[in-house]
Amino acid sequence: MLELAFFERRANLMRAMLRQLDIDVAQACAQALGTVMQRFARTCALCRNVDACERWLAAPEDPTGYRRFCPNADRLDRLPRRHIPNGSGC
């Protein structure tokens, strides 16, 4: 049986990942009536790569390093960012 701590750890990592990648959570939640974030949250809640996630979040030297371990990497790459990086041409 899964304990609350199991899900709390993943929820904390999910929030940290969204912050680290500067995701516009309000806009992301509005996409497809929230189904995009529901899928993201479900995948994160059941992820087995929490140790790798914690290590990367503690020292994200490679800004795309999450792509090596995160089952949500493709979804994260499609979520809207709050700030457009300089030099993006937009």
Protein backbone atom coordinates (compact mmCIF):
# COMPACT_ATOMS: atom_id res chain seq x y z
CA MET A 1 0.00 0.00 0.00
CA LEU A 2 1.31 3.42 -0.96
CA GLU A 3 1.70 5.90 1.85
CA LEU A 4 1.01 9.61 1.83
CA ALA A 5 4.76 10.35 2.01
CA PHE A 6 5.18 8.57 -1.35
CA PHE A 7 2.85 11.07 -3.05
CA GLU A 8 4.01 14.10 -1.04
CA ARG A 9 7.59 13.54 -2.19
CA ARG A 10 6.49 13.40 -5.83
CA ALA A 11 4.18 16.40 -5.47
CA ASN A 12 7.06 18.44 -4.05
CA LEU A 13 9.30 17.36 -6.92
CA MET A 14 6.59 18.20 -9.44
CA ARG A 15 6.27 21.74 -8.04
CA ALA A 16 10.03 22.16 -8.01
CA MET A 17 10.33 20.96 -11.62
CA LEU A 18 7.61 23.36 -12.78
CA ARG A 19 9.40 26.22 -10.97
CA GLN A 20 12.82 25.22 -12.29
CA LEU A 21 11.57 25.17 -15.88
CA ASP A 22 9.60 28.42 -15.40
CA ILE A 23 6.33 26.80 -16.46
CA ASP A 24 3.28 29.08 -16.55
CA VAL A 25 1.11 26.79 -14.44
CA ALA A 26 -2.09 28.81 -14.88
CA GLN A 27 -1.78 28.72 -18.65
CA ALA A 28 -0.75 25.05 -18.62
CA CYS A 29 -3.81 24.17 -16.52
CA ALA A 30 -6.04 25.92 -19.04
CA GLN A 31 -4.75 23.82 -21.93
CA ALA A 32 -7.24 21.20 -23.10
CA LEU A 33 -9.47 21.88 -20.09
CA GLY A 34 -6.74 20.79 -17.71
CA THR A 35 -6.18 17.33 -19.15
CA VAL A 36 -2.54 18.13 -20.01
CA MET A 37 -1.71 18.86 -16.38
CA GLN A 38 -3.79 15.92 -15.16
CA ARG A 39 -1.68 13.57 -17.26
CA PHE A 40 1.49 15.33 -16.13
CA ALA A 41 0.52 15.00 -12.46
CA ARG A 42 -0.50 11.34 -12.79
CA THR A 43 2.78 10.43 -14.49
CA CYS A 44 4.76 12.34 -11.88
CA ALA A 45 2.83 10.79 -8.99
CA LEU A 46 3.78 7.30 -10.12
CA CYS A 47 7.32 8.06 -11.30
CA ARG A 48 10.12 5.71 -10.29
CA ASN A 49 12.92 8.21 -11.03
CA VAL A 50 12.52 10.38 -7.93
CA ASP A 51 16.15 10.05 -6.86
CA ALA A 52 17.41 11.23 -10.27
CA CYS A 53 14.86 14.02 -10.21
CA GLU A 54 15.99 15.19 -6.76
CA ARG A 55 19.66 15.11 -7.81
CA TRP A 56 18.99 17.14 -10.96
CA LEU A 57 16.83 19.69 -9.16
CA ALA A 58 19.55 20.12 -6.51
CA ALA A 59 22.16 20.90 -9.19
CA PRO A 60 20.59 21.54 -12.60
CA GLU A 61 23.86 22.23 -14.40
CA ASP A 62 22.48 20.95 -17.70
CA PRO A 63 19.19 22.84 -18.27
CA THR A 64 17.84 19.95 -20.33
CA GLY A 65 19.15 17.17 -18.07
CA TYR A 66 15.64 16.24 -16.96
CA ARG A 67 15.12 14.75 -20.41
CA ARG A 68 17.40 11.84 -19.46
CA PHE A 69 15.20 10.56 -16.63
CA CYS A 70 11.81 12.28 -16.63
CA PRO A 71 8.88 10.37 -18.15
CA ASN A 72 7.17 13.77 -18.52
CA ALA A 73 10.02 15.35 -20.50
CA ASP A 74 8.09 15.62 -23.77
CA ARG A 75 5.09 17.06 -21.95
CA LEU A 76 7.32 19.53 -20.05
CA ASP A 77 8.88 20.69 -23.30
CA ARG A 78 5.42 21.54 -24.64
CA LEU A 79 4.14 23.41 -21.57
CA PRO A 80 4.08 27.22 -21.78
CA ARG A 81 6.88 29.15 -20.07
CA ARG A 82 6.30 32.32 -18.06
CA HIS A 83 9.25 34.13 -19.60
CA ILE A 84 10.49 33.95 -23.15
CA PRO A 85 14.30 33.56 -23.17
CA ASN A 86 16.31 36.45 -24.64
CA GLY A 87 17.27 36.00 -28.24
CA SER A 88 14.28 33.84 -29.03
CA GLY A 89 13.17 36.11 -31.86
CA CYS A 90 9.69 36.64 -30.34
